[in-house]
Amino acid sequence: MGTDERIGPRFLLAGPGFGGSCFPKDVKALAYMAAEKGRHPQLLHAVMEINDDRRGMAVRRLKEMLGSLQGKTVGLLGLSFKPNTDDMRDAPVITVANRLLAAGAKVKAYDPVAMDFARPQLPSVEMAPDPYSLAEGCDALMIITEWNEFKQLDLERLRKIMRQPYIFDGRNIYDPEEMKEYGFHYRGVGRGY
């Protein structure tokens, strides 16, 4: 799959699960058609279960980092299911935000283009006008969508305005050693801590 240009390194990246309208719908449709024909769609069901678990994994990892989410302020960088779109259909952030809220966290979010579409789906999440306003007073940030804008943030400024310097990078956009040099408690996905 990694050598197929339609998939390859552009799509085989770390993350809190896939979203959007196509892939989830297609997997569910294939499972339905297989079951209808008397075949075994267990692999397709497992794909959807694992995808759901990836969303929970992000919240579990942050809880491991902080010890507890109760009373913590968590900032979510990215709302759309992928960068360069405002598409919120089956976006992983919806599950992540709701699980954070259920664990007692205050949740803030920023996305370059999807906030207007996210507000109705995430009414308990405070939307911030920019990444730095988002980071002010946060105990932790979570990278949910890998927007180029987030790769260019002033990390020193970010560190200074956060209450605690915890970052869970759900897209592995930052270098762990560089984050350590800036004074962050940093975790990416699948990097073996």
N, C-alpha and C. Protein backbone atom coordinates (compact mmCIF):
# COMPACT_ATOMS: atom_id res chain seq x y z
N MET A 1 0.82 -1.19 0.00
CA MET A 1 0.00 0.00 0.00
C MET A 1 0.86 1.25 0.00
N GLY A 2 1.99 1.18 0.68
CA GLY A 2 2.84 2.35 0.78
C GLY A 2 3.40 2.81 -0.55
N THR A 3 3.49 1.92 -1.53
CA THR A 3 4.03 2.30 -2.83
C THR A 3 2.95 2.72 -3.83
N ASP A 4 1.70 2.49 -3.49
CA ASP A 4 0.58 2.89 -4.35
C ASP A 4 0.41 4.41 -4.23
N GLU A 5 0.55 5.13 -5.34
CA GLU A 5 0.47 6.59 -5.31
C GLU A 5 -0.87 7.10 -4.80
N ARG A 6 -1.93 6.30 -4.95
CA ARG A 6 -3.24 6.74 -4.46
C ARG A 6 -3.32 6.67 -2.95
N ILE A 7 -2.42 5.93 -2.33
CA ILE A 7 -2.41 5.78 -0.87
C ILE A 7 -1.09 6.32 -0.35
N GLY A 8 -0.05 5.52 -0.46
CA GLY A 8 1.32 5.90 -0.15
C GLY A 8 1.53 6.75 1.08
N PRO A 9 2.66 7.42 1.14
CA PRO A 9 3.01 8.20 2.33
C PRO A 9 2.10 9.41 2.56
N ARG A 10 1.34 9.82 1.56
CA ARG A 10 0.42 10.95 1.75
C ARG A 10 -0.74 10.60 2.67
N PHE A 11 -1.09 9.31 2.76
CA PHE A 11 -2.27 8.93 3.54
C PHE A 11 -1.97 7.95 4.67
N LEU A 12 -0.80 7.35 4.68
CA LEU A 12 -0.45 6.41 5.74
C LEU A 12 0.30 7.15 6.84
N LEU A 13 -0.42 7.99 7.56
CA LEU A 13 0.17 8.84 8.58
C LEU A 13 -0.46 8.56 9.94
N ALA A 14 0.24 8.97 10.97
CA ALA A 14 -0.29 8.83 12.33
C ALA A 14 -1.55 9.68 12.47
N GLY A 15 -2.42 9.28 13.36
CA GLY A 15 -3.59 10.10 13.59
C GLY A 15 -4.59 9.48 14.55
N PRO A 16 -5.56 10.29 14.94
CA PRO A 16 -6.61 9.83 15.85
C PRO A 16 -7.77 9.17 15.11
N GLY A 17 -7.48 8.47 14.04
CA GLY A 17 -8.52 7.80 13.26
C GLY A 17 -8.88 8.58 12.02
N PHE A 18 -9.52 7.89 11.08
CA PHE A 18 -9.95 8.55 9.85
C PHE A 18 -11.37 9.07 10.01
N GLY A 19 -11.73 9.98 9.15
CA GLY A 19 -13.08 10.54 9.15
C GLY A 19 -13.48 10.89 7.74
N GLY A 20 -14.39 11.83 7.62
CA GLY A 20 -14.88 12.22 6.30
C GLY A 20 -16.13 11.46 5.93
N SER A 21 -16.54 11.64 4.71
CA SER A 21 -17.78 10.99 4.28
C SER A 21 -17.53 9.71 3.50
N CYS A 22 -16.39 9.60 2.85
CA CYS A 22 -16.18 8.48 1.93
C CYS A 22 -15.70 7.19 2.60
N PHE A 23 -14.56 7.24 3.23
CA PHE A 23 -13.96 6.00 3.73
C PHE A 23 -14.85 5.29 4.77
N PRO A 24 -15.35 5.98 5.79
CA PRO A 24 -16.22 5.27 6.74
C PRO A 24 -17.46 4.68 6.07
N LYS A 25 -18.08 5.44 5.17
CA LYS A 25 -19.27 4.96 4.47
C LYS A 25 -18.95 3.75 3.62
N ASP A 26 -17.82 3.79 2.92
CA ASP A 26 -17.43 2.68 2.05
C ASP A 26 -17.14 1.40 2.83
N VAL A 27 -16.46 1.53 3.96
CA VAL A 27 -16.17 0.35 4.77
C VAL A 27 -17.46 -0.26 5.30
N LYS A 28 -18.36 0.58 5.78
CA LYS A 28 -19.65 0.08 6.29
C LYS A 28 -20.47 -0.56 5.17
N ALA A 29 -20.45 0.04 3.99
CA ALA A 29 -21.18 -0.52 2.85
C ALA A 29 -20.62 -1.88 2.45
N LEU A 30 -19.32 -2.01 2.41
CA LEU A 30 -18.69 -3.29 2.07
C LEU A 30 -19.06 -4.36 3.11
N ALA A 31 -19.05 -3.99 4.38
CA ALA A 31 -19.41 -4.94 5.43
C ALA A 31 -20.87 -5.40 5.26
N TYR A 32 -21.74 -4.46 4.95
CA TYR A 32 -23.15 -4.79 4.74
C TYR A 32 -23.31 -5.73 3.56
N MET A 33 -22.64 -5.41 2.44
CA MET A 33 -22.76 -6.25 1.25
C MET A 33 -22.19 -7.65 1.50
N ALA A 34 -21.10 -7.73 2.23
CA ALA A 34 -20.51 -9.04 2.54
C ALA A 34 -21.48 -9.87 3.38
N ALA A 35 -22.06 -9.26 4.40
CA ALA A 35 -23.00 -9.97 5.27
C ALA A 35 -24.24 -10.41 4.48
N GLU A 36 -24.70 -9.54 3.60
CA GLU A 36 -25.86 -9.85 2.78
C GLU A 36 -25.62 -11.07 1.88
N LYS A 37 -24.39 -11.26 1.47
CA LYS A 37 -24.02 -12.38 0.60
C LYS A 37 -23.54 -13.60 1.40
N GLY A 38 -23.71 -13.52 2.72
CA GLY A 38 -23.33 -14.66 3.56
C GLY A 38 -21.83 -14.78 3.79
N ARG A 39 -21.09 -13.72 3.55
CA ARG A 39 -19.65 -13.72 3.78
C ARG A 39 -19.35 -13.16 5.16
N HIS A 40 -18.11 -13.22 5.54
CA HIS A 40 -17.70 -12.81 6.89
C HIS A 40 -17.04 -11.43 6.85
N PRO A 41 -17.76 -10.40 7.31
CA PRO A 41 -17.20 -9.04 7.27
C PRO A 41 -16.43 -8.66 8.54
N GLN A 42 -15.91 -9.65 9.27
CA GLN A 42 -15.24 -9.33 10.53
C GLN A 42 -14.08 -8.35 10.35
N LEU A 43 -13.30 -8.51 9.29
CA LEU A 43 -12.18 -7.61 9.07
C LEU A 43 -12.67 -6.17 8.90
N LEU A 44 -13.75 -6.00 8.17
CA LEU A 44 -14.29 -4.65 7.97
C LEU A 44 -14.85 -4.07 9.26
N HIS A 45 -15.50 -4.92 10.06
CA HIS A 45 -15.97 -4.46 11.38
C HIS A 45 -14.79 -4.07 12.26
N ALA A 46 -13.71 -4.86 12.18
CA ALA A 46 -12.51 -4.57 12.97
C ALA A 46 -11.89 -3.23 12.56
N VAL A 47 -11.91 -2.91 11.27
CA VAL A 47 -11.38 -1.63 10.80
C VAL A 47 -12.13 -0.49 11.48
N MET A 48 -13.45 -0.57 11.53
CA MET A 48 -14.24 0.49 12.15
C MET A 48 -14.02 0.54 13.67
N GLU A 49 -13.91 -0.63 14.31
CA GLU A 49 -13.66 -0.67 15.76
C GLU A 49 -12.30 -0.07 16.09
N ILE A 50 -11.29 -0.41 15.30
CA ILE A 50 -9.95 0.13 15.53
C ILE A 50 -9.95 1.63 15.29
N ASN A 51 -10.65 2.09 14.27
CA ASN A 51 -10.73 3.52 14.01
C ASN A 51 -11.35 4.24 15.21
N ASP A 52 -12.41 3.70 15.76
CA ASP A 52 -13.03 4.31 16.94
C ASP A 52 -12.06 4.30 18.12
N ASP A 53 -11.33 3.20 18.27
CA ASP A 53 -10.37 3.11 19.38
C ASP A 53 -9.26 4.15 19.24
N ARG A 54 -8.85 4.50 18.03
CA ARG A 54 -7.80 5.51 17.83
C ARG A 54 -8.23 6.85 18.42
N ARG A 55 -9.50 7.15 18.33
CA ARG A 55 -10.00 8.41 18.89
C ARG A 55 -9.91 8.38 20.42
N GLY A 56 -10.28 7.24 20.98
CA GLY A 56 -10.17 7.08 22.43
C GLY A 56 -8.73 7.05 22.88
N MET A 57 -7.84 6.50 22.05
CA MET A 57 -6.41 6.43 22.38
C MET A 57 -5.86 7.82 22.63
N ALA A 58 -6.23 8.78 21.81
CA ALA A 58 -5.71 10.13 21.97
C ALA A 58 -6.07 10.68 23.36
N VAL A 59 -7.30 10.45 23.79
CA VAL A 59 -7.73 10.93 25.10
C VAL A 59 -7.03 10.15 26.21
N ARG A 60 -6.89 8.83 26.05
CA ARG A 60 -6.18 8.03 27.07
C ARG A 60 -4.73 8.48 27.22
N ARG A 61 -4.06 8.76 26.11
CA ARG A 61 -2.66 9.19 26.17
C ARG A 61 -2.54 10.53 26.89
N LEU A 62 -3.46 11.45 26.61
CA LEU A 62 -3.41 12.73 27.29
C LEU A 62 -3.65 12.56 28.79
N LYS A 63 -4.59 11.70 29.14
CA LYS A 63 -4.85 11.44 30.56
C LYS A 63 -3.61 10.84 31.24
N GLU A 64 -2.91 9.95 30.55
CA GLU A 64 -1.66 9.39 31.10
C GLU A 64 -0.64 10.49 31.34
N MET A 65 -0.57 11.44 30.42
CA MET A 65 0.39 12.54 30.55
C MET A 65 0.06 13.44 31.73
N LEU A 66 -1.22 13.77 31.88
CA LEU A 66 -1.65 14.74 32.90
C LEU A 66 -2.02 14.11 34.24
N GLY A 67 -2.25 12.82 34.26
CA GLY A 67 -2.68 12.15 35.48
C GLY A 67 -4.20 12.15 35.62
N SER A 68 -4.82 13.25 35.28
CA SER A 68 -6.28 13.38 35.32
C SER A 68 -6.67 14.48 34.34
N LEU A 69 -7.88 14.38 33.82
CA LEU A 69 -8.39 15.42 32.93
C LEU A 69 -9.36 16.35 33.66
N GLN A 70 -9.80 15.93 34.83
CA GLN A 70 -10.75 16.69 35.64
C GLN A 70 -10.19 18.09 35.94
N GLY A 71 -10.92 19.11 35.53
CA GLY A 71 -10.53 20.48 35.82
C GLY A 71 -9.41 21.04 34.95
N LYS A 72 -8.92 20.25 34.00
CA LYS A 72 -7.85 20.71 33.12
C LYS A 72 -8.45 21.43 31.91
N THR A 73 -7.68 22.34 31.35
CA THR A 73 -8.08 23.03 30.13
C THR A 73 -7.25 22.46 28.99
N VAL A 74 -7.94 21.94 27.99
CA VAL A 74 -7.28 21.29 26.87
C VAL A 74 -7.64 22.05 25.59
N GLY A 75 -6.61 22.40 24.82
CA GLY A 75 -6.81 23.07 23.55
C GLY A 75 -6.64 22.10 22.39
N LEU A 76 -7.58 22.11 21.48
CA LEU A 76 -7.54 21.24 20.31
C LEU A 76 -7.15 22.05 19.08
N LEU A 77 -6.04 21.68 18.48
CA LEU A 77 -5.59 22.32 17.26
C LEU A 77 -6.07 21.50 16.08
N GLY A 78 -7.08 22.01 15.40
CA GLY A 78 -7.66 21.31 14.25
C GLY A 78 -9.00 20.70 14.57
N LEU A 79 -9.95 20.93 13.68
CA LEU A 79 -11.30 20.40 13.84
C LEU A 79 -11.75 19.56 12.65
N SER A 80 -11.40 19.98 11.46
CA SER A 80 -11.83 19.24 10.26
C SER A 80 -11.15 17.87 10.24
N PHE A 81 -11.74 16.93 9.49
CA PHE A 81 -11.20 15.57 9.50
C PHE A 81 -9.86 15.47 8.77
N LYS A 82 -9.55 16.47 7.93
CA LYS A 82 -8.24 16.54 7.29
C LYS A 82 -7.95 18.00 6.99
N PRO A 83 -6.67 18.35 6.74
CA PRO A 83 -6.36 19.75 6.46
C PRO A 83 -6.90 20.20 5.11
N ASN A 84 -6.96 21.50 4.96
CA ASN A 84 -7.38 22.14 3.70
C ASN A 84 -8.84 21.88 3.34
N THR A 85 -9.66 21.69 4.36
CA THR A 85 -11.10 21.54 4.16
C THR A 85 -11.82 22.01 5.41
N ASP A 86 -13.08 22.36 5.26
CA ASP A 86 -13.90 22.69 6.43
C ASP A 86 -14.83 21.53 6.77
N ASP A 87 -14.60 20.39 6.17
CA ASP A 87 -15.47 19.22 6.30
C ASP A 87 -15.38 18.61 7.70
N MET A 88 -16.50 18.56 8.38
CA MET A 88 -16.59 18.02 9.74
C MET A 88 -17.26 16.65 9.78
N ARG A 89 -17.60 16.08 8.62
CA ARG A 89 -18.29 14.80 8.61
C ARG A 89 -17.44 13.72 9.23
N ASP A 90 -17.94 13.12 10.30
CA ASP A 90 -17.27 12.05 11.03
C ASP A 90 -15.85 12.43 11.44
N ALA A 91 -15.63 13.71 11.74
CA ALA A 91 -14.31 14.18 12.15
C ALA A 91 -13.94 13.57 13.51
N PRO A 92 -12.73 13.02 13.64
CA PRO A 92 -12.30 12.43 14.92
C PRO A 92 -12.41 13.39 16.09
N VAL A 93 -12.26 14.69 15.84
CA VAL A 93 -12.28 15.66 16.93
C VAL A 93 -13.61 15.65 17.68
N ILE A 94 -14.69 15.29 17.03
CA ILE A 94 -15.99 15.28 17.71
C ILE A 94 -15.97 14.27 18.86
N THR A 95 -15.48 13.07 18.58
CA THR A 95 -15.36 12.05 19.62
C THR A 95 -14.36 12.47 20.68
N VAL A 96 -13.20 12.98 20.25
CA VAL A 96 -12.15 13.39 21.18
C VAL A 96 -12.67 14.47 22.12
N ALA A 97 -13.29 15.51 21.57
CA ALA A 97 -13.80 16.61 22.39
C ALA A 97 -14.86 16.12 23.38
N ASN A 98 -15.77 15.30 22.92
CA ASN A 98 -16.83 14.81 23.81
C ASN A 98 -16.28 13.93 24.93
N ARG A 99 -15.27 13.14 24.63
CA ARG A 99 -14.66 12.30 25.68
C ARG A 99 -13.87 13.15 26.68
N LEU A 100 -13.23 14.20 26.20
CA LEU A 100 -12.54 15.11 27.11
C LEU A 100 -13.54 15.81 28.04
N LEU A 101 -14.63 16.29 27.47
CA LEU A 101 -15.67 16.94 28.27
C LEU A 101 -16.25 15.97 29.30
N ALA A 102 -16.51 14.74 28.88
CA ALA A 102 -17.05 13.73 29.80
C ALA A 102 -16.09 13.42 30.94
N ALA A 103 -14.79 13.61 30.70
CA ALA A 103 -13.78 13.35 31.74
C ALA A 103 -13.57 14.57 32.64
N GLY A 104 -14.32 15.64 32.40
CA GLY A 104 -14.25 16.80 33.27
C GLY A 104 -13.32 17.90 32.81
N ALA A 105 -12.84 17.84 31.58
CA ALA A 105 -11.96 18.89 31.07
C ALA A 105 -12.77 20.03 30.48
N LYS A 106 -12.18 21.21 30.52
CA LYS A 106 -12.69 22.35 29.75
C LYS A 106 -12.00 22.25 28.40
N VAL A 107 -12.74 22.39 27.31
CA VAL A 107 -12.17 22.18 25.98
C VAL A 107 -12.32 23.45 25.14
N LYS A 108 -11.19 23.84 24.56
CA LYS A 108 -11.13 24.96 23.63
C LYS A 108 -10.64 24.41 22.29
N ALA A 109 -10.91 25.12 21.19
CA ALA A 109 -10.47 24.63 19.89
C ALA A 109 -10.20 25.77 18.93
N TYR A 110 -9.33 25.47 17.96
CA TYR A 110 -9.06 26.39 16.87
C TYR A 110 -8.85 25.59 15.60
N ASP A 111 -9.40 26.09 14.50
CA ASP A 111 -9.18 25.53 13.17
C ASP A 111 -9.20 26.69 12.20
N PRO A 112 -8.30 26.70 11.20
CA PRO A 112 -8.27 27.84 10.27
C PRO A 112 -9.57 28.06 9.49
N VAL A 113 -10.34 27.01 9.20
CA VAL A 113 -11.54 27.21 8.38
C VAL A 113 -12.81 26.49 8.86
N ALA A 114 -12.71 25.55 9.78
CA ALA A 114 -13.86 24.70 10.09
C ALA A 114 -14.66 25.10 11.33
N MET A 115 -14.30 26.18 11.99
CA MET A 115 -14.96 26.50 13.26
C MET A 115 -16.46 26.76 13.11
N ASP A 116 -16.87 27.45 12.07
CA ASP A 116 -18.30 27.72 11.88
C ASP A 116 -19.09 26.43 11.70
N PHE A 117 -18.48 25.44 11.07
CA PHE A 117 -19.14 24.16 10.85
C PHE A 117 -19.08 23.28 12.10
N ALA A 118 -18.07 23.50 12.93
CA ALA A 118 -17.89 22.70 14.15
C ALA A 118 -18.79 23.18 15.29
N ARG A 119 -19.07 24.47 15.36
CA ARG A 119 -19.83 25.02 16.49
C ARG A 119 -21.13 24.26 16.78
N PRO A 120 -21.98 24.00 15.78
CA PRO A 120 -23.22 23.29 16.09
C PRO A 120 -23.01 21.87 16.61
N GLN A 121 -21.91 21.24 16.21
CA GLN A 121 -21.64 19.87 16.64
C GLN A 121 -20.90 19.81 17.97
N LEU A 122 -20.27 20.93 18.35
CA LEU A 122 -19.49 20.98 19.59
C LEU A 122 -19.88 22.22 20.40
N PRO A 123 -21.15 22.31 20.83
CA PRO A 123 -21.61 23.53 21.49
C PRO A 123 -20.93 23.82 22.83
N SER A 124 -20.35 22.82 23.48
CA SER A 124 -19.69 23.02 24.77
C SER A 124 -18.21 23.35 24.64
N VAL A 125 -17.74 23.43 23.41
CA VAL A 125 -16.32 23.73 23.15
C VAL A 125 -16.18 25.22 22.83
N GLU A 126 -15.27 25.88 23.52
CA GLU A 126 -15.01 27.30 23.28
C GLU A 126 -14.09 27.44 22.06
N MET A 127 -14.52 28.20 21.07
CA MET A 127 -13.72 28.41 19.86
C MET A 127 -12.82 29.63 20.07
N ALA A 128 -11.55 29.48 19.70
CA ALA A 128 -10.57 30.55 19.86
C ALA A 128 -10.27 31.18 18.50
N PRO A 129 -9.93 32.46 18.47
CA PRO A 129 -9.69 33.14 17.19
C PRO A 129 -8.36 32.80 16.52
N ASP A 130 -7.42 32.25 17.28
CA ASP A 130 -6.12 31.90 16.72
C ASP A 130 -5.43 30.90 17.65
N PRO A 131 -4.35 30.27 17.21
CA PRO A 131 -3.69 29.24 18.03
C PRO A 131 -3.14 29.76 19.35
N TYR A 132 -2.68 31.01 19.36
CA TYR A 132 -2.09 31.55 20.59
C TYR A 132 -3.16 31.88 21.63
N SER A 133 -4.30 32.42 21.18
CA SER A 133 -5.41 32.63 22.10
C SER A 133 -5.89 31.29 22.65
N LEU A 134 -5.89 30.30 21.82
CA LEU A 134 -6.27 28.95 22.24
C LEU A 134 -5.35 28.46 23.35
N ALA A 135 -4.05 28.64 23.18
CA ALA A 135 -3.05 28.08 24.10
C ALA A 135 -3.03 28.78 25.45
N GLU A 136 -3.50 30.03 25.51
CA GLU A 136 -3.45 30.77 26.77
C GLU A 136 -4.19 30.02 27.88
N GLY A 137 -3.47 29.72 28.94
CA GLY A 137 -4.06 29.06 30.09
C GLY A 137 -4.33 27.58 29.93
N CYS A 138 -3.91 26.99 28.83
CA CYS A 138 -4.15 25.55 28.63
C CYS A 138 -3.15 24.71 29.42
N ASP A 139 -3.65 23.60 29.93
CA ASP A 139 -2.79 22.61 30.58
C ASP A 139 -2.17 21.70 29.53
N ALA A 140 -2.83 21.59 28.39
CA ALA A 140 -2.33 20.72 27.32
C ALA A 140 -2.94 21.14 26.00
N LEU A 141 -2.19 20.85 24.94
CA LEU A 141 -2.69 21.01 23.58
C LEU A 141 -2.68 19.65 22.92
N MET A 142 -3.65 19.44 22.04
CA MET A 142 -3.69 18.22 21.23
C MET A 142 -3.73 18.62 19.77
N ILE A 143 -2.80 18.07 18.99
CA ILE A 143 -2.82 18.30 17.55
C ILE A 143 -3.75 17.25 16.96
N ILE A 144 -4.86 17.69 16.38
CA ILE A 144 -5.84 16.77 15.83
C ILE A 144 -5.79 16.76 14.30
N THR A 145 -5.60 17.92 13.69
CA THR A 145 -5.53 18.02 12.23
C THR A 145 -4.20 18.67 11.88
N GLU A 146 -3.51 18.12 10.89
CA GLU A 146 -2.15 18.55 10.57
C GLU A 146 -2.08 19.74 9.60
N TRP A 147 -2.73 20.82 9.97
CA TRP A 147 -2.67 22.04 9.16
C TRP A 147 -1.23 22.55 9.11
N ASN A 148 -0.80 23.05 7.95
CA ASN A 148 0.54 23.63 7.82
C ASN A 148 0.76 24.77 8.79
N GLU A 149 -0.28 25.53 9.07
CA GLU A 149 -0.20 26.64 10.01
C GLU A 149 0.34 26.18 11.37
N PHE A 150 -0.04 24.98 11.79
CA PHE A 150 0.39 24.48 13.10
C PHE A 150 1.86 24.08 13.09
N LYS A 151 2.36 23.71 11.93
CA LYS A 151 3.78 23.33 11.82
C LYS A 151 4.69 24.54 11.94
N GLN A 152 4.11 25.73 11.75
CA GLN A 152 4.89 26.97 11.75
C GLN A 152 4.72 27.80 13.03
N LEU A 153 4.09 27.25 14.05
CA LEU A 153 3.83 28.02 15.27
C LEU A 153 5.13 28.39 15.98
N ASP A 154 5.11 29.51 16.67
CA ASP A 154 6.23 29.96 17.48
C ASP A 154 6.17 29.15 18.79
N LEU A 155 6.97 28.10 18.86
CA LEU A 155 6.89 27.16 19.99
C LEU A 155 7.32 27.81 21.30
N GLU A 156 8.27 28.71 21.25
CA GLU A 156 8.69 29.40 22.47
C GLU A 156 7.55 30.24 23.03
N ARG A 157 6.87 30.97 22.16
CA ARG A 157 5.72 31.77 22.57
C ARG A 157 4.62 30.87 23.13
N LEU A 158 4.37 29.77 22.44
CA LEU A 158 3.35 28.82 22.87
C LEU A 158 3.63 28.32 24.28
N ARG A 159 4.87 27.94 24.52
CA ARG A 159 5.28 27.41 25.84
C ARG A 159 5.04 28.43 26.94
N LYS A 160 5.33 29.69 26.67
CA LYS A 160 5.21 30.74 27.68
C LYS A 160 3.77 31.05 28.06
N ILE A 161 2.83 30.87 27.14
CA ILE A 161 1.45 31.26 27.45
C ILE A 161 0.59 30.09 27.96
N MET A 162 1.12 28.89 27.88
CA MET A 162 0.37 27.75 28.41
C MET A 162 0.53 27.65 29.93
N ARG A 163 -0.49 27.16 30.62
CA ARG A 163 -0.40 26.94 32.06
C ARG A 163 0.59 25.81 32.35
N GLN A 164 0.48 24.73 31.58
CA GLN A 164 1.41 23.61 31.68
C GLN A 164 1.85 23.25 30.25
N PRO A 165 3.09 22.84 30.06
CA PRO A 165 3.59 22.62 28.70
C PRO A 165 3.43 21.17 28.21
N TYR A 166 2.19 20.70 28.12
CA TYR A 166 1.94 19.34 27.63
C TYR A 166 1.36 19.40 26.21
N ILE A 167 1.94 18.59 25.34
CA ILE A 167 1.41 18.50 23.98
C ILE A 167 1.30 17.03 23.59
N PHE A 168 0.08 16.65 23.18
CA PHE A 168 -0.12 15.34 22.55
C PHE A 168 -0.28 15.62 21.07
N ASP A 169 0.67 15.13 20.29
CA ASP A 169 0.71 15.39 18.86
C ASP A 169 0.11 14.19 18.13
N GLY A 170 -1.18 14.26 17.87
CA GLY A 170 -1.88 13.17 17.21
C GLY A 170 -1.54 13.01 15.75
N ARG A 171 -0.69 13.86 15.20
CA ARG A 171 -0.31 13.79 13.79
C ARG A 171 1.20 13.75 13.57
N ASN A 172 1.95 13.74 14.66
CA ASN A 172 3.43 13.67 14.59
C ASN A 172 4.02 14.77 13.69
N ILE A 173 3.55 16.00 13.88
CA ILE A 173 4.06 17.10 13.06
C ILE A 173 5.32 17.73 13.66
N TYR A 174 5.60 17.43 14.93
CA TYR A 174 6.76 18.01 15.59
C TYR A 174 7.83 16.96 15.87
N ASP A 175 9.05 17.42 15.96
CA ASP A 175 10.18 16.56 16.30
C ASP A 175 10.26 16.45 17.82
N PRO A 176 10.25 15.23 18.37
CA PRO A 176 10.27 15.06 19.83
C PRO A 176 11.45 15.74 20.52
N GLU A 177 12.63 15.66 19.92
CA GLU A 177 13.82 16.28 20.53
C GLU A 177 13.71 17.80 20.56
N GLU A 178 13.20 18.38 19.49
CA GLU A 178 13.01 19.83 19.45
C GLU A 178 11.99 20.26 20.51
N MET A 179 10.93 19.49 20.65
CA MET A 179 9.90 19.83 21.65
C MET A 179 10.48 19.78 23.05
N LYS A 180 11.33 18.81 23.30
CA LYS A 180 12.00 18.70 24.61
C LYS A 180 12.88 19.92 24.86
N GLU A 181 13.60 20.36 23.83
CA GLU A 181 14.45 21.55 23.95
C GLU A 181 13.64 22.79 24.29
N TYR A 182 12.42 22.87 23.79
CA TYR A 182 11.55 24.00 24.10
C TYR A 182 10.89 23.87 25.47
N GLY A 183 11.08 22.75 26.13
CA GLY A 183 10.54 22.57 27.48
C GLY A 183 9.16 21.94 27.54
N PHE A 184 8.74 21.28 26.46
CA PHE A 184 7.43 20.63 26.45
C PHE A 184 7.52 19.19 26.94
N HIS A 185 6.46 18.76 27.60
CA HIS A 185 6.22 17.33 27.84
C HIS A 185 5.45 16.89 26.60
N TYR A 186 6.09 16.12 25.76
CA TYR A 186 5.56 15.85 24.41
C TYR A 186 5.37 14.37 24.18
N ARG A 187 4.26 14.03 23.53
CA ARG A 187 4.02 12.66 23.07
C ARG A 187 3.45 12.72 21.66
N GLY A 188 3.99 11.86 20.81
CA GLY A 188 3.43 11.67 19.48
C GLY A 188 2.74 10.33 19.44
N VAL A 189 2.43 9.86 18.26
CA VAL A 189 1.74 8.58 18.09
C VAL A 189 2.73 7.54 17.54
N GLY A 190 2.82 6.41 18.24
CA GLY A 190 3.63 5.30 17.75
C GLY A 190 5.12 5.54 17.77
N ARG A 191 5.58 6.40 18.66
CA ARG A 191 7.00 6.73 18.70
C ARG A 191 7.73 6.02 19.83
N GLY A 192 7.06 5.15 20.55
CA GLY A 192 7.70 4.33 21.56
C GLY A 192 8.26 5.05 22.75
N TYR A 193 7.41 5.41 23.70
CA TYR A 193 7.86 6.12 24.88
C TYR A 193 8.11 5.15 26.00
